[in-house]
Amino acid sequence: MTVPLISSEVFMALDKNKDGFISRSELKLAHRNLTRAELDAVIGQADADGDGKLTFEEIKQIAESTRSASTKQ
């Protein structure tokens, strides 16, 4: 059984304005220690459609790829 890395409840808690996306500012609120460059890197890597916002599916994809990379090491 695979445990999800992020649940829809966690996503909704991060989505402060409840628009269905995690914006740069919402991501920064959740991860205050990230620099602007690190935020840009996270969004650039996860934002499949290039709209500058992260959907639940995009975040799930990046979490899964991170999990896969860490288990291969």
C-alpha atoms as a PDB file:
ATOM      1  CA  MET A   1       0.000   0.000   0.000  1.00  0.00           C
ATOM      2  CA  THR A   2       1.365   3.408  -0.998  1.00  0.00           C
ATOM      3  CA  VAL A   3       0.828   6.272   1.411  1.00  0.00           C
ATOM      4  CA  PRO A   4       0.061   9.563  -0.387  1.00  0.00           C
ATOM      5  CA  LEU A   5       2.678  12.254   0.079  1.00  0.00           C
ATOM      6  CA  ILE A   6       0.045  14.963   0.037  1.00  0.00           C
ATOM      7  CA  SER A   7      -3.655  14.685   0.712  1.00  0.00           C
ATOM      8  CA  SER A   8      -6.414  16.831  -0.690  1.00  0.00           C
ATOM      9  CA  GLU A   9      -6.985  18.129   2.850  1.00  0.00           C
ATOM     10  CA  VAL A  10      -3.383  19.380   3.068  1.00  0.00           C
ATOM     11  CA  PHE A  11      -3.692  20.962  -0.377  1.00  0.00           C
ATOM     12  CA  MET A  12      -6.907  22.734   0.622  1.00  0.00           C
ATOM     13  CA  ALA A  13      -5.258  24.011   3.816  1.00  0.00           C
ATOM     14  CA  LEU A  14      -2.432  25.509   1.733  1.00  0.00           C
ATOM     15  CA  ASP A  15      -4.909  27.021  -0.752  1.00  0.00           C
ATOM     16  CA  LYS A  16      -5.791  30.024   1.407  1.00  0.00           C
ATOM     17  CA  ASN A  17      -8.075  31.758  -1.111  1.00  0.00           C
ATOM     18  CA  LYS A  18      -9.753  28.459  -2.111  1.00  0.00           C
ATOM     19  CA  ASP A  19      -9.292  28.981  -5.857  1.00  0.00           C
ATOM     20  CA  GLY A  20      -8.026  25.429  -6.448  1.00  0.00           C
ATOM     21  CA  PHE A  21      -4.398  26.470  -6.914  1.00  0.00           C
ATOM     22  CA  ILE A  22      -1.338  27.016  -4.746  1.00  0.00           C
ATOM     23  CA  SER A  23       0.144  30.383  -5.686  1.00  0.00           C
ATOM     24  CA  ARG A  24       3.705  31.565  -5.079  1.00  0.00           C
ATOM     25  CA  SER A  25       2.541  33.553  -2.036  1.00  0.00           C
ATOM     26  CA  GLU A  26       0.623  30.577  -0.597  1.00  0.00           C
ATOM     27  CA  LEU A  27       3.667  28.353  -1.096  1.00  0.00           C
ATOM     28  CA  LYS A  28       5.836  30.955   0.620  1.00  0.00           C
ATOM     29  CA  LEU A  29       3.458  31.027   3.608  1.00  0.00           C
ATOM     30  CA  ALA A  30       3.804  27.251   3.954  1.00  0.00           C
ATOM     31  CA  HIS A  31       7.581  27.272   3.483  1.00  0.00           C
ATOM     32  CA  ARG A  32       8.829  30.560   4.918  1.00  0.00           C
ATOM     33  CA  ASN A  33      12.450  29.394   4.817  1.00  0.00           C
ATOM     34  CA  LEU A  34      12.531  29.121   1.001  1.00  0.00           C
ATOM     35  CA  THR A  35      14.295  31.858  -0.904  1.00  0.00           C
ATOM     36  CA  ARG A  36      12.762  33.467  -3.987  1.00  0.00           C
ATOM     37  CA  ALA A  37      15.105  31.384  -6.166  1.00  0.00           C
ATOM     38  CA  GLU A  38      14.040  28.195  -4.383  1.00  0.00           C
ATOM     39  CA  LEU A  39      10.352  29.095  -4.810  1.00  0.00           C
ATOM     40  CA  ASP A  40      10.978  29.750  -8.505  1.00  0.00           C
ATOM     41  CA  ALA A  41      12.718  26.366  -8.806  1.00  0.00           C
ATOM     42  CA  VAL A  42       9.870  24.506  -7.084  1.00  0.00           C
ATOM     43  CA  ILE A  43       7.212  26.203  -9.179  1.00  0.00           C
ATOM     44  CA  GLY A  44       9.255  25.835 -12.360  1.00  0.00           C
ATOM     45  CA  GLN A  45       9.697  22.123 -11.764  1.00  0.00           C
ATOM     46  CA  ALA A  46       6.114  21.392 -10.717  1.00  0.00           C
ATOM     47  CA  ASP A  47       4.104  23.807 -12.890  1.00  0.00           C
ATOM     48  CA  ALA A  48       3.377  21.547 -15.878  1.00  0.00           C
ATOM     49  CA  ASP A  49       1.077  23.990 -17.669  1.00  0.00           C
ATOM     50  CA  GLY A  50       3.231  27.076 -17.027  1.00  0.00           C
ATOM     51  CA  ASP A  51       0.505  29.217 -15.483  1.00  0.00           C
ATOM     52  CA  GLY A  52       2.564  30.084 -12.388  1.00  0.00           C
ATOM     53  CA  LYS A  53       0.194  28.257 -10.032  1.00  0.00           C
ATOM     54  CA  LEU A  54       0.227  24.688  -8.774  1.00  0.00           C
ATOM     55  CA  THR A  55      -2.746  22.357  -8.981  1.00  0.00           C
ATOM     56  CA  PHE A  56      -3.257  19.350  -6.742  1.00  0.00           C
ATOM     57  CA  GLU A  57      -2.264  17.067  -9.633  1.00  0.00           C
ATOM     58  CA  GLU A  58       0.947  19.026 -10.288  1.00  0.00           C
ATOM     59  CA  ILE A  59       1.905  18.823  -6.631  1.00  0.00           C
ATOM     60  CA  LYS A  60       1.142  15.098  -6.557  1.00  0.00           C
ATOM     61  CA  GLN A  61       3.369  14.581  -9.616  1.00  0.00           C
ATOM     62  CA  ILE A  62       6.330  16.402  -8.083  1.00  0.00           C
ATOM     63  CA  ALA A  63       5.865  14.536  -4.795  1.00  0.00           C
ATOM     64  CA  GLU A  64       5.839  11.206  -6.618  1.00  0.00           C
ATOM     65  CA  SER A  65       8.938  12.052  -8.658  1.00  0.00           C
ATOM     66  CA  THR A  66      10.696  13.141  -5.464  1.00  0.00           C
ATOM     67  CA  ARG A  67       9.715   9.890  -3.760  1.00  0.00           C
ATOM     68  CA  SER A  68      10.963   7.864  -6.746  1.00  0.00           C
ATOM     69  CA  ALA A  69      14.289   9.706  -6.825  1.00  0.00           C
ATOM     70  CA  SER A  70      14.860   9.223  -3.100  1.00  0.00           C
ATOM     71  CA  THR A  71      14.122   5.488  -3.190  1.00  0.00           C
ATOM     72  CA  LYS A  72      16.602   4.949  -6.023  1.00  0.00           C
ATOM     73  CA  GLN A  73      19.466   6.341  -3.943  1.00  0.00           C
END
